[in-house]
């Protein structure tokens, strides 16, 4: 959202362009061109980017931003936990992945010996840098709140928990 506001490009387009950049970075990190991974990252990011923009419209339309503070906190936690479980499951099922999730996966299994927590923290470095640059360029912060902080701190731990508790028979298929 911060980058979208800074460059004045609709959120869906910004997310799609960012997804392409992360897809290319993923290819560099694995050290060779992986056509399946490249195409699957792009196939995921295209509809996902515009779905996020649509979800923002729906949430605004039904009044989520004006809900009581604690109701929004509960929705944030439930939503982020659901995302952690979903990412854990689809990464272990070796299905197509969002480029950001694939980035964390590559970091996790290629560079830091399987730590879900540390890989999530490291994969958040580019967005945090973008938010920081956006802030210094515009003087404003958009869409940063409890959910962002909660995800930064706990998303990896929730994924680690999900790896062993949500469909535990699914195992990671490391293809790096």
N, C-alpha and C. Protein backbone atom coordinates (compact mmCIF):
# COMPACT_ATOMS: atom_id res chain seq x y z
N UNK A 1 0.82 -1.19 0.00
CA UNK A 1 0.00 0.00 0.00
C UNK A 1 0.87 1.26 0.00
N UNK A 2 1.94 1.25 0.78
CA UNK A 2 2.82 2.42 0.85
C UNK A 2 3.48 2.70 -0.49
N UNK A 3 3.96 1.67 -1.14
CA UNK A 3 4.58 1.83 -2.45
C UNK A 3 3.55 2.30 -3.47
N UNK A 4 2.36 1.72 -3.42
CA UNK A 4 1.28 2.10 -4.33
C UNK A 4 0.94 3.58 -4.21
N UNK A 5 0.83 4.05 -2.99
CA UNK A 5 0.52 5.47 -2.76
C UNK A 5 1.68 6.36 -3.20
N UNK A 6 2.91 5.90 -2.94
CA UNK A 6 4.09 6.70 -3.28
C UNK A 6 4.21 6.88 -4.79
N UNK A 7 4.08 5.79 -5.56
CA UNK A 7 4.27 5.87 -7.00
C UNK A 7 2.97 6.16 -7.75
N UNK A 8 1.87 6.24 -7.00
CA UNK A 8 0.56 6.55 -7.57
C UNK A 8 0.13 5.57 -8.66
N UNK A 9 0.29 4.29 -8.34
CA UNK A 9 -0.14 3.20 -9.22
C UNK A 9 -1.13 2.36 -8.43
N UNK A 10 -2.23 1.90 -9.04
CA UNK A 10 -3.20 1.11 -8.28
C UNK A 10 -2.53 -0.08 -7.56
N UNK A 11 -3.10 -0.42 -6.41
CA UNK A 11 -2.52 -1.46 -5.56
C UNK A 11 -2.30 -2.77 -6.31
N UNK A 12 -3.27 -3.21 -7.08
CA UNK A 12 -3.14 -4.48 -7.82
C UNK A 12 -1.96 -4.46 -8.77
N UNK A 13 -1.80 -3.36 -9.51
CA UNK A 13 -0.66 -3.23 -10.43
C UNK A 13 0.67 -3.21 -9.67
N UNK A 14 0.70 -2.48 -8.56
CA UNK A 14 1.91 -2.41 -7.74
C UNK A 14 2.30 -3.79 -7.23
N UNK A 15 1.31 -4.52 -6.72
CA UNK A 15 1.59 -5.87 -6.20
C UNK A 15 2.06 -6.81 -7.31
N UNK A 16 1.47 -6.68 -8.49
CA UNK A 16 1.88 -7.54 -9.60
C UNK A 16 3.32 -7.24 -10.03
N UNK A 17 3.65 -5.96 -10.17
CA UNK A 17 5.01 -5.59 -10.55
C UNK A 17 6.00 -6.05 -9.48
N UNK A 18 5.66 -5.85 -8.22
CA UNK A 18 6.51 -6.31 -7.12
C UNK A 18 6.66 -7.83 -7.19
N UNK A 19 5.58 -8.55 -7.50
CA UNK A 19 5.64 -10.00 -7.63
C UNK A 19 6.58 -10.45 -8.73
N UNK A 20 6.59 -9.72 -9.84
CA UNK A 20 7.51 -10.03 -10.93
C UNK A 20 8.96 -9.84 -10.47
N UNK A 21 9.21 -8.74 -9.77
CA UNK A 21 10.57 -8.47 -9.27
C UNK A 21 11.01 -9.55 -8.30
N UNK A 22 10.14 -9.96 -7.39
CA UNK A 22 10.51 -11.01 -6.43
C UNK A 22 10.69 -12.35 -7.16
N UNK A 23 9.89 -12.62 -8.18
CA UNK A 23 10.05 -13.84 -8.97
C UNK A 23 11.44 -13.89 -9.60
N UNK A 24 11.87 -12.78 -10.16
CA UNK A 24 13.21 -12.71 -10.75
C UNK A 24 14.29 -12.88 -9.68
N UNK A 25 14.10 -12.24 -8.53
CA UNK A 25 15.06 -12.39 -7.43
C UNK A 25 15.14 -13.84 -6.97
N UNK A 26 14.01 -14.52 -6.94
CA UNK A 26 14.00 -15.93 -6.55
C UNK A 26 14.86 -16.76 -7.49
N UNK A 27 14.77 -16.47 -8.77
CA UNK A 27 15.58 -17.19 -9.75
C UNK A 27 17.06 -16.96 -9.50
N UNK A 28 17.42 -15.74 -9.18
CA UNK A 28 18.82 -15.44 -8.87
C UNK A 28 19.28 -16.18 -7.61
N UNK A 29 18.42 -16.24 -6.60
CA UNK A 29 18.79 -16.89 -5.35
C UNK A 29 18.99 -18.40 -5.50
N UNK A 30 18.20 -19.03 -6.37
CA UNK A 30 18.38 -20.48 -6.54
C UNK A 30 19.56 -20.79 -7.46
N UNK A 31 20.04 -19.79 -8.17
CA UNK A 31 21.27 -19.94 -8.94
C UNK A 31 21.12 -20.55 -10.31
N UNK A 32 19.90 -20.81 -10.73
CA UNK A 32 19.66 -21.32 -12.09
C UNK A 32 18.21 -21.02 -12.46
N UNK A 33 17.92 -21.07 -13.75
CA UNK A 33 16.56 -20.79 -14.19
C UNK A 33 15.70 -22.03 -13.98
N UNK A 34 14.67 -21.90 -13.19
CA UNK A 34 13.71 -22.96 -12.92
C UNK A 34 12.39 -22.55 -13.55
N UNK A 35 12.12 -23.07 -14.73
CA UNK A 35 10.94 -22.66 -15.50
C UNK A 35 9.64 -22.91 -14.73
N UNK A 36 9.52 -24.08 -14.09
CA UNK A 36 8.29 -24.39 -13.34
C UNK A 36 8.07 -23.38 -12.22
N UNK A 37 9.11 -23.10 -11.47
CA UNK A 37 9.01 -22.15 -10.36
C UNK A 37 8.71 -20.74 -10.90
N UNK A 38 9.38 -20.33 -11.96
CA UNK A 38 9.17 -19.01 -12.55
C UNK A 38 7.72 -18.84 -12.99
N UNK A 39 7.23 -19.79 -13.75
CA UNK A 39 5.85 -19.70 -14.27
C UNK A 39 4.84 -19.78 -13.13
N UNK A 40 5.07 -20.68 -12.17
CA UNK A 40 4.11 -20.83 -11.08
C UNK A 40 4.07 -19.57 -10.21
N UNK A 41 5.22 -18.94 -9.98
CA UNK A 41 5.23 -17.68 -9.22
C UNK A 41 4.38 -16.62 -9.92
N UNK A 42 4.55 -16.51 -11.23
CA UNK A 42 3.79 -15.52 -11.99
C UNK A 42 2.31 -15.88 -12.05
N UNK A 43 2.00 -17.17 -12.20
CA UNK A 43 0.60 -17.60 -12.22
C UNK A 43 -0.10 -17.30 -10.90
N UNK A 44 0.62 -17.38 -9.81
CA UNK A 44 0.03 -17.08 -8.51
C UNK A 44 -0.12 -15.57 -8.32
N UNK A 45 0.91 -14.83 -8.67
CA UNK A 45 0.91 -13.40 -8.35
C UNK A 45 -0.09 -12.60 -9.19
N UNK A 46 -0.38 -13.03 -10.40
CA UNK A 46 -1.30 -12.27 -11.24
C UNK A 46 -2.69 -12.17 -10.61
N UNK A 47 -3.39 -13.27 -10.37
CA UNK A 47 -4.72 -13.11 -9.76
C UNK A 47 -4.66 -12.62 -8.32
N UNK A 48 -3.64 -13.05 -7.58
CA UNK A 48 -3.52 -12.66 -6.18
C UNK A 48 -3.41 -11.15 -6.02
N UNK A 49 -2.62 -10.51 -6.87
CA UNK A 49 -2.41 -9.06 -6.78
C UNK A 49 -3.72 -8.31 -6.88
N UNK A 50 -4.56 -8.71 -7.81
CA UNK A 50 -5.81 -8.01 -8.02
C UNK A 50 -6.87 -8.46 -7.02
N UNK A 51 -6.75 -9.67 -6.52
CA UNK A 51 -7.66 -10.15 -5.48
C UNK A 51 -7.45 -9.35 -4.19
N UNK A 52 -6.21 -9.02 -3.87
CA UNK A 52 -5.93 -8.19 -2.69
C UNK A 52 -6.58 -6.82 -2.85
N UNK A 53 -6.44 -6.24 -4.03
CA UNK A 53 -7.06 -4.93 -4.28
C UNK A 53 -8.58 -5.04 -4.14
N UNK A 54 -9.17 -6.12 -4.65
CA UNK A 54 -10.62 -6.33 -4.55
C UNK A 54 -11.03 -6.55 -3.10
N UNK A 55 -10.24 -7.33 -2.36
CA UNK A 55 -10.54 -7.58 -0.94
C UNK A 55 -10.51 -6.27 -0.16
N UNK A 56 -9.57 -5.40 -0.47
CA UNK A 56 -9.52 -4.10 0.20
C UNK A 56 -10.81 -3.34 -0.06
N UNK A 57 -11.28 -3.36 -1.29
CA UNK A 57 -12.54 -2.69 -1.64
C UNK A 57 -13.70 -3.29 -0.85
N UNK A 58 -13.77 -4.63 -0.79
CA UNK A 58 -14.85 -5.30 -0.06
C UNK A 58 -14.79 -4.97 1.43
N UNK A 59 -13.61 -5.06 2.03
CA UNK A 59 -13.47 -4.77 3.46
C UNK A 59 -13.86 -3.32 3.75
N UNK A 60 -13.45 -2.40 2.89
CA UNK A 60 -13.85 -1.01 3.07
C UNK A 60 -15.37 -0.86 2.93
N UNK A 61 -15.96 -1.56 1.95
CA UNK A 61 -17.40 -1.47 1.70
C UNK A 61 -18.24 -2.01 2.85
N UNK A 62 -17.77 -3.06 3.50
CA UNK A 62 -18.56 -3.63 4.60
C UNK A 62 -18.20 -3.02 5.96
N UNK A 63 -17.28 -2.07 5.94
CA UNK A 63 -16.99 -1.31 7.15
C UNK A 63 -15.96 -1.89 8.09
N UNK A 64 -15.12 -2.81 7.62
CA UNK A 64 -14.10 -3.39 8.50
C UNK A 64 -13.21 -2.31 9.12
N UNK A 65 -12.74 -1.30 8.36
CA UNK A 65 -11.87 -0.29 8.98
C UNK A 65 -12.53 0.49 10.11
N UNK A 66 -13.85 0.53 10.14
CA UNK A 66 -14.52 1.29 11.20
C UNK A 66 -15.00 0.41 12.36
N UNK A 67 -14.66 -0.87 12.33
CA UNK A 67 -15.02 -1.75 13.43
C UNK A 67 -14.27 -1.35 14.70
N UNK A 68 -14.78 -1.80 15.80
CA UNK A 68 -14.12 -1.60 17.09
C UNK A 68 -12.68 -2.11 17.01
N UNK A 69 -11.78 -1.46 17.73
CA UNK A 69 -10.36 -1.80 17.72
C UNK A 69 -10.14 -3.29 17.99
N UNK A 70 -10.78 -3.82 19.01
CA UNK A 70 -10.54 -5.23 19.38
C UNK A 70 -11.10 -6.19 18.34
N UNK A 71 -12.19 -5.82 17.68
CA UNK A 71 -12.73 -6.66 16.60
C UNK A 71 -11.73 -6.73 15.44
N UNK A 72 -11.11 -5.59 15.12
CA UNK A 72 -10.09 -5.59 14.05
C UNK A 72 -8.87 -6.40 14.45
N UNK A 73 -8.47 -6.33 15.72
CA UNK A 73 -7.33 -7.12 16.20
C UNK A 73 -7.62 -8.60 16.05
N UNK A 74 -8.81 -9.01 16.46
CA UNK A 74 -9.20 -10.43 16.37
C UNK A 74 -9.23 -10.87 14.90
N UNK A 75 -9.80 -10.04 14.03
CA UNK A 75 -9.82 -10.37 12.60
C UNK A 75 -8.41 -10.48 12.04
N UNK A 76 -7.52 -9.57 12.44
CA UNK A 76 -6.12 -9.63 12.00
C UNK A 76 -5.48 -10.95 12.40
N UNK A 77 -5.63 -11.32 13.65
CA UNK A 77 -4.99 -12.54 14.15
C UNK A 77 -5.55 -13.78 13.45
N UNK A 78 -6.87 -13.85 13.33
CA UNK A 78 -7.48 -14.99 12.64
C UNK A 78 -7.04 -15.05 11.18
N UNK A 79 -7.04 -13.91 10.51
CA UNK A 79 -6.63 -13.87 9.10
C UNK A 79 -5.17 -14.26 8.91
N UNK A 80 -4.30 -13.73 9.75
CA UNK A 80 -2.88 -14.04 9.62
C UNK A 80 -2.58 -15.50 9.99
N UNK A 81 -3.29 -16.02 10.96
CA UNK A 81 -3.12 -17.44 11.28
C UNK A 81 -3.58 -18.30 10.10
N UNK A 82 -4.71 -17.93 9.49
CA UNK A 82 -5.20 -18.66 8.31
C UNK A 82 -4.21 -18.62 7.17
N UNK A 83 -3.59 -17.48 6.96
CA UNK A 83 -2.57 -17.35 5.91
C UNK A 83 -1.37 -18.25 6.22
N UNK A 84 -0.93 -18.26 7.48
CA UNK A 84 0.22 -19.09 7.87
C UNK A 84 -0.07 -20.56 7.63
N UNK A 85 -1.26 -21.00 7.99
CA UNK A 85 -1.63 -22.40 7.78
C UNK A 85 -1.68 -22.70 6.29
N UNK A 86 -2.28 -21.82 5.51
CA UNK A 86 -2.39 -22.04 4.07
C UNK A 86 -1.03 -22.09 3.40
N UNK A 87 -0.14 -21.16 3.74
CA UNK A 87 1.20 -21.15 3.13
C UNK A 87 1.96 -22.41 3.53
N UNK A 88 1.86 -22.80 4.77
CA UNK A 88 2.52 -24.03 5.21
C UNK A 88 2.03 -25.23 4.40
N UNK A 89 0.72 -25.32 4.22
CA UNK A 89 0.15 -26.47 3.51
C UNK A 89 0.53 -26.45 2.03
N UNK A 90 0.38 -25.31 1.37
CA UNK A 90 0.65 -25.34 -0.07
C UNK A 90 2.13 -25.41 -0.38
N UNK A 91 2.98 -24.94 0.52
CA UNK A 91 4.42 -25.11 0.27
C UNK A 91 4.83 -26.57 0.47
N UNK A 92 4.23 -27.25 1.44
CA UNK A 92 4.54 -28.67 1.64
C UNK A 92 3.93 -29.53 0.55
N UNK A 93 2.81 -29.11 0.01
CA UNK A 93 2.18 -29.86 -1.08
C UNK A 93 2.91 -29.64 -2.40
N UNK A 94 3.87 -28.71 -2.41
CA UNK A 94 4.69 -28.40 -3.57
C UNK A 94 3.84 -27.89 -4.74
N UNK A 95 2.87 -27.05 -4.40
CA UNK A 95 2.03 -26.42 -5.40
C UNK A 95 2.64 -25.08 -5.79
N UNK A 96 1.95 -24.38 -6.68
CA UNK A 96 2.44 -23.06 -7.05
C UNK A 96 2.45 -22.17 -5.82
N UNK A 97 3.44 -21.26 -5.79
CA UNK A 97 3.59 -20.41 -4.62
C UNK A 97 3.64 -18.94 -5.03
N UNK A 98 3.18 -18.09 -4.11
CA UNK A 98 3.35 -16.66 -4.31
C UNK A 98 4.85 -16.37 -4.22
N UNK A 99 5.37 -15.46 -5.03
CA UNK A 99 6.81 -15.18 -5.01
C UNK A 99 7.36 -14.86 -3.61
N UNK A 100 6.61 -14.12 -2.80
CA UNK A 100 7.10 -13.80 -1.45
C UNK A 100 7.20 -15.05 -0.59
N UNK A 101 6.23 -15.94 -0.71
CA UNK A 101 6.28 -17.20 0.05
C UNK A 101 7.41 -18.08 -0.47
N UNK A 102 7.61 -18.06 -1.77
CA UNK A 102 8.71 -18.83 -2.35
C UNK A 102 10.06 -18.25 -1.91
N UNK A 103 10.15 -16.94 -1.80
CA UNK A 103 11.37 -16.31 -1.30
C UNK A 103 11.70 -16.82 0.09
N UNK A 104 10.70 -16.81 0.97
CA UNK A 104 10.92 -17.32 2.34
C UNK A 104 11.31 -18.79 2.31
N UNK A 105 10.70 -19.56 1.40
CA UNK A 105 10.99 -20.99 1.26
C UNK A 105 12.44 -21.20 0.80
N UNK A 106 12.86 -20.42 -0.19
CA UNK A 106 14.23 -20.53 -0.70
C UNK A 106 15.22 -20.17 0.41
N UNK A 107 14.97 -19.07 1.09
CA UNK A 107 15.85 -18.67 2.20
C UNK A 107 15.87 -19.77 3.25
N UNK A 108 14.70 -20.29 3.57
CA UNK A 108 14.58 -21.30 4.63
C UNK A 108 15.40 -22.54 4.35
N UNK A 109 15.28 -23.06 3.15
CA UNK A 109 15.91 -24.36 2.88
C UNK A 109 17.25 -24.28 2.16
N UNK A 110 17.58 -23.15 1.59
CA UNK A 110 18.87 -23.04 0.91
C UNK A 110 19.93 -22.40 1.79
N UNK A 111 19.49 -21.49 2.66
CA UNK A 111 20.48 -20.68 3.38
C UNK A 111 20.48 -20.85 4.90
N UNK A 112 19.34 -21.20 5.51
CA UNK A 112 19.31 -21.19 6.98
C UNK A 112 18.79 -22.49 7.59
N UNK A 113 18.98 -23.58 6.92
CA UNK A 113 18.76 -24.92 7.47
C UNK A 113 17.35 -25.17 8.00
N UNK A 114 16.34 -24.60 7.34
CA UNK A 114 14.96 -24.97 7.64
C UNK A 114 14.23 -24.12 8.67
N UNK A 115 14.78 -23.04 9.14
CA UNK A 115 14.11 -22.22 10.16
C UNK A 115 13.00 -21.38 9.54
N UNK A 116 11.76 -21.75 9.85
CA UNK A 116 10.60 -21.00 9.35
C UNK A 116 10.59 -19.58 9.91
N UNK A 117 10.95 -19.44 11.16
CA UNK A 117 10.90 -18.13 11.81
C UNK A 117 11.92 -17.18 11.20
N UNK A 118 13.16 -17.59 11.14
CA UNK A 118 14.22 -16.73 10.61
C UNK A 118 14.01 -16.44 9.12
N UNK A 119 13.54 -17.41 8.37
CA UNK A 119 13.32 -17.18 6.94
C UNK A 119 12.22 -16.15 6.71
N UNK A 120 11.18 -16.19 7.51
CA UNK A 120 10.12 -15.18 7.38
C UNK A 120 10.67 -13.81 7.70
N UNK A 121 11.42 -13.70 8.78
CA UNK A 121 11.99 -12.40 9.14
C UNK A 121 12.87 -11.87 8.02
N UNK A 122 13.72 -12.72 7.46
CA UNK A 122 14.61 -12.28 6.38
C UNK A 122 13.83 -11.92 5.11
N UNK A 123 12.76 -12.65 4.84
CA UNK A 123 11.98 -12.36 3.63
C UNK A 123 11.19 -11.06 3.75
N UNK A 124 11.03 -10.56 4.96
CA UNK A 124 10.33 -9.29 5.17
C UNK A 124 11.26 -8.08 5.01
N UNK A 125 12.55 -8.31 4.86
CA UNK A 125 13.48 -7.18 4.74
C UNK A 125 13.14 -6.30 3.53
N UNK A 126 12.94 -6.85 2.31
CA UNK A 126 12.62 -5.97 1.17
C UNK A 126 11.36 -5.12 1.39
N UNK A 127 10.23 -5.69 1.87
CA UNK A 127 9.07 -4.83 2.09
C UNK A 127 9.31 -3.74 3.15
N UNK A 128 10.05 -4.08 4.20
CA UNK A 128 10.34 -3.08 5.24
C UNK A 128 11.20 -1.95 4.66
N UNK A 129 12.15 -2.29 3.81
CA UNK A 129 12.97 -1.26 3.15
C UNK A 129 12.09 -0.38 2.27
N UNK A 130 11.17 -1.00 1.52
CA UNK A 130 10.27 -0.24 0.65
C UNK A 130 9.38 0.68 1.47
N UNK A 131 8.85 0.19 2.58
CA UNK A 131 8.01 1.01 3.45
C UNK A 131 8.82 2.20 3.98
N UNK A 132 10.06 1.94 4.38
CA UNK A 132 10.92 3.00 4.93
C UNK A 132 11.21 4.06 3.87
N UNK A 133 11.58 3.62 2.67
CA UNK A 133 11.86 4.57 1.58
C UNK A 133 10.59 5.35 1.23
N UNK A 134 9.46 4.64 1.16
CA UNK A 134 8.18 5.30 0.87
C UNK A 134 7.87 6.37 1.90
N UNK A 135 8.10 6.04 3.16
CA UNK A 135 7.84 7.00 4.23
C UNK A 135 8.72 8.24 4.08
N UNK A 136 10.01 8.04 3.85
CA UNK A 136 10.91 9.19 3.73
C UNK A 136 10.62 10.00 2.47
N UNK A 137 10.02 9.36 1.46
CA UNK A 137 9.69 10.08 0.23
C UNK A 137 8.36 10.83 0.32
N UNK A 138 7.42 10.30 1.11
CA UNK A 138 6.09 10.91 1.17
C UNK A 138 5.77 11.55 2.52
N UNK A 139 6.47 11.11 3.56
CA UNK A 139 6.17 11.60 4.90
C UNK A 139 4.95 10.95 5.50
N UNK A 140 4.43 9.88 4.85
CA UNK A 140 3.22 9.21 5.33
C UNK A 140 3.41 7.71 5.36
N UNK A 141 2.69 7.08 6.27
CA UNK A 141 2.64 5.62 6.35
C UNK A 141 1.19 5.20 6.11
N UNK A 142 0.98 4.26 5.23
CA UNK A 142 -0.35 3.75 4.93
C UNK A 142 -0.41 2.26 5.29
N UNK A 143 -1.51 1.84 5.82
CA UNK A 143 -1.82 0.42 6.04
C UNK A 143 -0.76 -0.31 6.85
N UNK A 144 -0.16 0.36 7.79
CA UNK A 144 0.78 -0.29 8.70
C UNK A 144 0.15 -0.18 10.08
N UNK A 145 -0.04 -1.31 10.72
CA UNK A 145 -0.64 -1.31 12.03
C UNK A 145 -0.36 -2.60 12.76
N UNK A 146 -1.28 -2.99 13.59
CA UNK A 146 -1.12 -4.19 14.39
C UNK A 146 -0.87 -5.42 13.52
N UNK A 147 -1.65 -5.60 12.46
CA UNK A 147 -1.52 -6.77 11.60
C UNK A 147 -0.14 -6.89 10.99
N UNK A 148 0.42 -5.78 10.57
CA UNK A 148 1.76 -5.78 10.00
C UNK A 148 2.79 -6.20 11.04
N UNK A 149 2.69 -5.60 12.21
CA UNK A 149 3.64 -5.94 13.29
C UNK A 149 3.47 -7.39 13.72
N UNK A 150 2.23 -7.84 13.84
CA UNK A 150 1.96 -9.22 14.25
C UNK A 150 2.54 -10.19 13.22
N UNK A 151 2.35 -9.90 11.93
CA UNK A 151 2.89 -10.77 10.88
C UNK A 151 4.41 -10.78 10.92
N UNK A 152 5.01 -9.61 11.05
CA UNK A 152 6.48 -9.54 11.10
C UNK A 152 7.04 -10.39 12.24
N UNK A 153 6.39 -10.35 13.37
CA UNK A 153 6.90 -11.05 14.55
C UNK A 153 6.52 -12.53 14.56
N UNK A 154 5.27 -12.86 14.22
CA UNK A 154 4.76 -14.20 14.49
C UNK A 154 4.45 -15.08 13.28
N UNK A 155 4.49 -14.55 12.07
CA UNK A 155 4.10 -15.35 10.89
C UNK A 155 4.96 -16.62 10.76
N UNK A 156 6.26 -16.48 10.94
CA UNK A 156 7.14 -17.65 10.84
C UNK A 156 6.83 -18.69 11.90
N UNK A 157 6.57 -18.25 13.12
CA UNK A 157 6.24 -19.19 14.20
C UNK A 157 4.92 -19.89 13.92
N UNK A 158 3.96 -19.16 13.38
CA UNK A 158 2.68 -19.79 13.05
C UNK A 158 2.86 -20.80 11.91
N UNK A 159 3.73 -20.49 10.96
CA UNK A 159 4.00 -21.45 9.88
C UNK A 159 4.71 -22.68 10.43
N UNK A 160 5.66 -22.47 11.32
CA UNK A 160 6.37 -23.60 11.94
C UNK A 160 5.38 -24.51 12.67
N UNK A 161 4.47 -23.92 13.42
CA UNK A 161 3.44 -24.70 14.11
C UNK A 161 2.58 -25.45 13.10
N UNK A 162 2.19 -24.77 12.03
CA UNK A 162 1.34 -25.38 11.01
C UNK A 162 2.03 -26.54 10.32
N UNK A 163 3.35 -26.45 10.15
CA UNK A 163 4.10 -27.54 9.51
C UNK A 163 3.91 -28.86 10.24
N UNK A 164 3.72 -28.80 11.54
CA UNK A 164 3.59 -30.05 12.32
C UNK A 164 2.17 -30.35 12.77
N UNK A 165 1.25 -29.38 12.66
CA UNK A 165 -0.10 -29.60 13.17
C UNK A 165 -1.21 -29.55 12.11
N UNK A 166 -1.01 -28.85 11.01
CA UNK A 166 -2.02 -28.78 9.95
C UNK A 166 -1.62 -29.76 8.85
N UNK A 167 -2.33 -30.84 8.74
CA UNK A 167 -2.01 -31.90 7.79
C UNK A 167 -0.54 -32.33 7.95
N UNK A 168 -0.21 -32.88 9.10
CA UNK A 168 1.20 -33.20 9.39
C UNK A 168 1.82 -34.25 8.47
N UNK A 169 1.02 -34.99 7.73
CA UNK A 169 1.59 -35.98 6.81
C UNK A 169 2.19 -35.32 5.57
N UNK A 170 1.84 -34.08 5.30
CA UNK A 170 2.47 -33.35 4.20
C UNK A 170 3.90 -33.01 4.62
N UNK A 171 4.84 -33.26 3.74
CA UNK A 171 6.25 -32.98 4.04
C UNK A 171 6.81 -32.01 3.00
N UNK A 172 7.78 -31.23 3.41
CA UNK A 172 8.42 -30.29 2.47
C UNK A 172 9.19 -31.08 1.42
N UNK A 173 9.05 -30.64 0.17
CA UNK A 173 9.78 -31.22 -0.96
C UNK A 173 10.77 -30.16 -1.43
N UNK A 174 11.94 -30.18 -0.85
CA UNK A 174 12.92 -29.14 -1.16
C UNK A 174 13.51 -29.40 -2.54
N UNK A 175 13.27 -28.45 -3.44
CA UNK A 175 13.73 -28.59 -4.83
C UNK A 175 14.60 -27.40 -5.21
N UNK A 176 15.66 -27.21 -4.46
CA UNK A 176 16.53 -26.06 -4.72
C UNK A 176 17.82 -26.49 -5.34
